[in-house]
Amino acid sequence: MKLLLIEDDPAMQLSLTRSFERRGLQVAACNDGAQAIGRWQASAPDVVILDLSLPGLDGLEVLARARKAGLSTPVLILTARGTVGDRILGLNVGADDYLPKPFDLDELMARVQALGRRAGAGNAVNNADPQGKTFCGMRVDAESGAVYHAGTLLELTPREGALLRALLARPGSAIAKERLFDAVFPGADEVQLEAIEVVAYRLRKRIAHTGAQLVTLRGLGYLLKAQA
C-alpha cells in the first residue's frame, strides 16, 4: 500500500513515516498545503493522511480542491482539532475518516488498512464484469443487469439488484458499507448511510433459497458467502 502523508510537523512526519515503513507500507511525505495536491497527483497513493493545520493552504481547502479535481483517494484526517464540529466539517468536505491527536499508532494503522481495503473493494465493485461468472447458482446478465438463479430471474427491486450485483462482484470478500451505499444510492445526498441496512435486510430474504448468505460485518460492511 502506498501512503501520502501530508503533515507539517517534522518530528511527527518522520515518526509516522518510519512506523509505516516498518510495517511494509510505502510513504511519500509533504509538509506544505500549497504543494500537496501536486504531490498527491504525482504519487498516486492508495490512502492520504492529511493534517489540517498546514502552511500555505489549510488542510480542509486542500481536501476540497482535491475532490474538485477528481482525486478520489480515501483520506484520513489526522489533526489536533478534535471537536465534533471540525470532524463533521472534514467529513462533509470529503474525508473518509477522522482521528484526533493524540492517537494510538495501532489504531491509526488499523484505520489506514481499512481505508485501503475499502478502496480496493470499491474499485472491484466499479470495474468487475460479472458476465458468465456464477456464485451459488446466481449470475448477472451484463446487458440488463438482471440477476438469475439457476436460470430463473430473481424478483428484486432496483436497489436490491444494485446491492446484489455489487456483492457478486467480490463474493467471499468484505465490502465496506460506504462503497455499497454508493452503488445502491448513487448521488443520493439526502439519504442516510443506515438506509443500506434496510436494503440488505430485504435482500437477505430474497436470496435465502439460493444457498448464499449475506453476512453483516459490524464496523466493516457486508460479505456474500456460501451457506455452510
Protein backbone atom coordinates (compact mmCIF):
# COMPACT_ATOMS: atom_id res chain seq x y z
CA MET A 1 0.00 0.00 0.00
CA LYS A 2 1.19 3.49 -0.87
CA LEU A 3 0.52 6.37 1.52
CA LEU A 4 0.75 10.11 1.09
CA LEU A 5 1.41 11.75 4.44
CA ILE A 6 0.62 15.49 4.45
CA GLU A 7 1.99 16.69 7.79
CA ASP A 8 3.99 19.83 8.57
CA ASP A 9 5.43 18.78 11.95
CA PRO A 10 8.91 17.36 11.08
CA ALA A 11 9.08 15.10 14.12
CA MET A 12 5.59 13.72 13.57
CA GLN A 13 6.22 13.24 9.86
CA LEU A 14 9.47 11.35 10.47
CA SER A 15 7.99 9.19 13.23
CA LEU A 16 4.93 8.20 11.20
CA THR A 17 6.98 7.56 8.07
CA ARG A 18 9.29 5.20 9.93
CA SER A 19 6.40 3.43 11.64
CA PHE A 20 4.54 2.84 8.39
CA GLU A 21 7.66 1.73 6.53
CA ARG A 22 8.43 -0.80 9.27
CA ARG A 23 5.01 -2.26 8.56
CA GLY A 24 5.80 -2.61 4.86
CA LEU A 25 3.99 0.46 3.52
CA GLN A 26 5.44 2.92 1.02
CA VAL A 27 5.28 6.52 2.20
CA ALA A 28 5.54 9.80 0.31
CA ALA A 29 5.55 12.87 2.53
CA CYS A 30 4.61 16.50 2.03
CA ASN A 31 4.71 19.34 4.57
CA ASP A 32 3.07 22.20 2.66
CA GLY A 33 -0.58 22.63 1.78
CA ALA A 34 0.11 24.57 -1.40
CA GLN A 35 2.22 21.72 -2.78
CA ALA A 36 0.01 18.90 -1.50
CA ILE A 37 -2.28 18.45 -4.49
CA GLY A 38 0.62 18.24 -6.94
CA ARG A 39 2.31 15.67 -4.75
CA TRP A 40 -0.98 13.80 -4.45
CA GLN A 41 -1.35 13.60 -8.22
CA ALA A 42 2.27 12.59 -8.70
CA SER A 43 2.42 9.85 -6.07
CA ALA A 44 -0.96 8.19 -6.86
CA PRO A 45 -1.41 6.95 -3.26
CA ASP A 46 -3.86 4.35 -2.00
CA VAL A 47 -4.60 6.39 1.13
CA VAL A 48 -3.91 10.00 2.11
CA ILE A 49 -3.26 11.05 5.72
CA LEU A 50 -3.98 14.74 5.98
CA ASP A 51 -3.23 17.22 8.76
CA LEU A 52 -5.50 20.27 8.86
CA SER A 53 -3.09 22.91 10.16
CA LEU A 54 -0.73 23.30 7.21
CA PRO A 55 1.36 26.20 5.95
CA GLY A 56 0.47 27.62 2.57
CA LEU A 57 -3.02 26.19 2.43
CA ASP A 58 -5.33 24.82 5.13
CA GLY A 59 -5.91 21.07 5.08
CA LEU A 60 -9.65 21.42 4.53
CA GLU A 61 -9.02 23.60 1.48
CA VAL A 62 -6.50 21.05 0.19
CA LEU A 63 -9.14 18.35 0.51
CA ALA A 64 -11.86 20.45 -1.11
CA ARG A 65 -9.63 21.28 -4.09
CA ALA A 66 -8.51 17.67 -4.43
CA ARG A 67 -12.09 16.41 -4.57
CA LYS A 68 -12.98 19.13 -7.07
CA ALA A 69 -10.03 18.00 -9.19
CA GLY A 70 -11.41 14.45 -9.22
CA LEU A 71 -8.95 12.92 -6.75
CA SER A 72 -11.00 10.21 -5.05
CA THR A 73 -8.29 8.64 -2.88
CA PRO A 74 -9.57 7.77 0.62
CA VAL A 75 -8.49 10.45 3.12
CA LEU A 76 -7.94 10.13 6.84
CA ILE A 77 -7.77 13.46 8.63
CA LEU A 78 -5.23 13.43 11.45
CA THR A 79 -5.29 16.61 13.50
CA ALA A 80 -5.30 18.28 16.89
CA ARG A 81 -8.66 19.84 16.02
CA GLY A 82 -10.83 17.21 17.64
CA THR A 83 -14.20 18.90 18.13
CA VAL A 84 -17.37 17.40 16.71
CA GLY A 85 -17.81 20.46 14.51
CA ASP A 86 -14.36 20.05 12.98
CA ARG A 87 -14.98 16.37 12.41
CA ILE A 88 -18.32 16.98 10.68
CA LEU A 89 -16.81 19.74 8.56
CA GLY A 90 -13.97 17.49 7.46
CA LEU A 91 -16.30 14.63 6.55
CA ASN A 92 -18.60 16.98 4.66
CA VAL A 93 -15.69 18.31 2.62
CA GLY A 94 -14.79 14.79 1.53
CA ALA A 95 -12.78 13.00 4.22
CA ASP A 96 -13.38 9.27 4.74
CA ASP A 97 -12.19 9.02 8.34
CA TYR A 98 -11.04 11.29 11.18
CA LEU A 99 -8.62 10.61 14.02
CA PRO A 100 -7.79 13.36 16.56
CA LYS A 101 -4.35 13.85 18.08
CA PRO A 102 -3.03 12.40 20.31
CA PHE A 103 -3.74 8.98 18.86
CA ASP A 104 -2.79 5.35 19.24
CA LEU A 105 -0.44 4.19 16.48
CA ASP A 106 -2.06 0.76 16.23
CA GLU A 107 -5.47 2.36 15.81
CA LEU A 108 -4.12 4.65 13.09
CA MET A 109 -2.60 1.68 11.29
CA ALA A 110 -5.87 -0.26 11.51
CA ARG A 111 -7.83 2.68 10.12
CA VAL A 112 -5.39 3.17 7.25
CA GLN A 113 -5.53 -0.51 6.33
CA ALA A 114 -9.34 -0.43 6.45
CA LEU A 115 -9.40 2.55 4.08
CA GLY A 116 -7.01 0.75 1.75
CA ARG A 117 -9.21 -2.35 1.70
CA ARG A 118 -12.29 -0.21 1.20
CA ALA A 119 -10.75 1.49 -1.82
CA GLY A 120 -9.77 -1.84 -3.31
CA ALA A 121 -13.27 -3.22 -2.78
CA GLY A 122 -14.79 -0.13 -4.34
CA ASN A 123 -12.63 -0.47 -7.44
CA ALA A 124 -13.61 -4.09 -7.71
CA VAL A 125 -17.29 -3.18 -7.45
CA ASN A 126 -16.98 -0.49 -10.09
CA ASN A 127 -14.78 -2.42 -12.52
CA ALA A 128 -15.95 -6.00 -12.23
CA ASP A 129 -17.54 -7.67 -15.22
CA PRO A 130 -19.66 -10.49 -13.79
CA GLN A 131 -20.86 -11.79 -17.17
CA GLY A 132 -20.50 -15.56 -17.21
CA LYS A 133 -19.50 -15.79 -13.55
CA THR A 134 -21.75 -17.61 -11.13
CA PHE A 135 -21.91 -17.81 -7.35
CA CYS A 136 -24.28 -20.20 -5.61
CA GLY A 137 -26.06 -20.52 -8.93
CA MET A 138 -26.51 -16.75 -9.31
CA ARG A 139 -25.41 -14.92 -12.44
CA VAL A 140 -25.67 -11.29 -13.55
CA ASP A 141 -26.75 -10.55 -17.11
CA ALA A 142 -24.29 -7.95 -18.37
CA GLU A 143 -26.74 -6.20 -20.69
CA SER A 144 -29.82 -5.91 -18.48
CA GLY A 145 -28.22 -6.13 -15.04
CA ALA A 146 -30.83 -8.71 -14.06
CA VAL A 147 -29.74 -11.45 -11.67
CA TYR A 148 -30.64 -15.08 -12.38
CA HIS A 149 -30.51 -18.08 -10.10
CA ALA A 150 -30.33 -21.47 -11.78
CA GLY A 151 -31.72 -19.86 -14.92
CA THR A 152 -34.67 -18.22 -13.15
CA LEU A 153 -34.95 -14.46 -12.84
CA LEU A 154 -34.75 -13.24 -9.25
CA GLU A 155 -37.51 -10.76 -8.43
CA LEU A 156 -35.60 -7.82 -6.94
CA THR A 157 -36.27 -4.14 -6.52
CA PRO A 158 -33.77 -1.86 -8.31
CA ARG A 159 -31.92 -1.20 -5.05
CA GLU A 160 -31.84 -4.84 -4.07
CA GLY A 161 -30.48 -5.65 -7.52
CA ALA A 162 -27.80 -2.97 -7.23
CA LEU A 163 -26.69 -4.29 -3.86
CA LEU A 164 -26.60 -7.91 -5.04
CA ARG A 165 -24.61 -7.02 -8.16
CA ALA A 166 -22.06 -5.17 -6.02
CA LEU A 167 -21.73 -8.15 -3.68
CA LEU A 168 -21.47 -10.64 -6.54
CA ALA A 169 -18.50 -8.68 -7.85
CA ARG A 170 -16.47 -9.92 -4.85
CA PRO A 171 -18.14 -12.94 -3.26
CA GLY A 172 -16.42 -14.06 -0.09
CA SER A 173 -14.77 -10.66 0.46
CA ALA A 174 -15.81 -7.87 2.81
CA ILE A 175 -17.10 -4.75 1.06
CA ALA A 176 -17.40 -1.53 3.03
CA LYS A 177 -20.87 -0.22 3.76
CA GLU A 178 -19.95 3.15 2.26
CA ARG A 179 -18.98 1.61 -1.08
CA LEU A 180 -22.15 -0.43 -1.21
CA PHE A 181 -24.17 2.65 -0.35
CA ASP A 182 -22.65 4.47 -3.33
CA ALA A 183 -23.65 1.57 -5.59
CA VAL A 184 -27.22 1.41 -4.27
CA PHE A 185 -27.93 5.12 -3.74
CA PRO A 186 -25.76 6.93 -6.31
CA GLY A 187 -25.90 10.70 -5.84
CA ALA A 188 -28.50 10.48 -3.06
CA ASP A 189 -27.16 13.19 -0.77
CA GLU A 190 -30.30 13.27 1.37
CA VAL A 191 -30.27 9.55 2.17
CA GLN A 192 -28.64 8.38 5.40
CA LEU A 193 -25.94 5.69 5.31
CA GLU A 194 -28.08 3.45 7.51
CA ALA A 195 -30.56 3.06 4.64
CA ILE A 196 -28.28 0.38 3.19
CA GLU A 197 -29.16 -1.80 6.19
CA VAL A 198 -32.83 -1.87 5.16
CA VAL A 199 -31.94 -2.94 1.63
CA ALA A 200 -29.58 -5.61 2.98
CA TYR A 201 -32.28 -6.94 5.28
CA ARG A 202 -34.72 -7.33 2.38
CA LEU A 203 -32.10 -8.81 0.07
CA ARG A 204 -31.16 -11.40 2.69
CA LYS A 205 -34.70 -12.77 2.49
CA ARG A 206 -34.76 -12.68 -1.32
CA ILE A 207 -31.70 -14.89 -1.67
CA ALA A 208 -32.30 -17.24 1.26
CA HIS A 209 -33.18 -20.10 -1.10
CA THR A 210 -30.07 -19.73 -3.27
CA GLY A 211 -27.54 -21.15 -0.83
CA ALA A 212 -25.86 -17.76 -0.47
CA GLN A 213 -25.68 -15.93 2.84
CA LEU A 214 -25.41 -12.16 3.28
CA VAL A 215 -23.27 -11.55 6.37
CA THR A 216 -23.09 -8.28 8.28
CA LEU A 217 -19.59 -7.38 9.49
CA ARG A 218 -20.11 -4.80 12.20
CA GLY A 219 -17.96 -1.73 11.65
CA LEU A 220 -16.76 -3.01 8.27
CA GLY A 221 -19.61 -3.75 5.88
CA TYR A 222 -21.03 -6.88 4.27
CA LEU A 223 -19.91 -10.01 2.50
CA LEU A 224 -21.65 -12.65 0.46
CA LYS A 225 -20.68 -16.24 1.19
CA ALA A 226 -21.98 -19.73 0.59
CA GLN A 227 -24.08 -21.14 3.41
CA ALA A 228 -22.39 -23.81 5.49
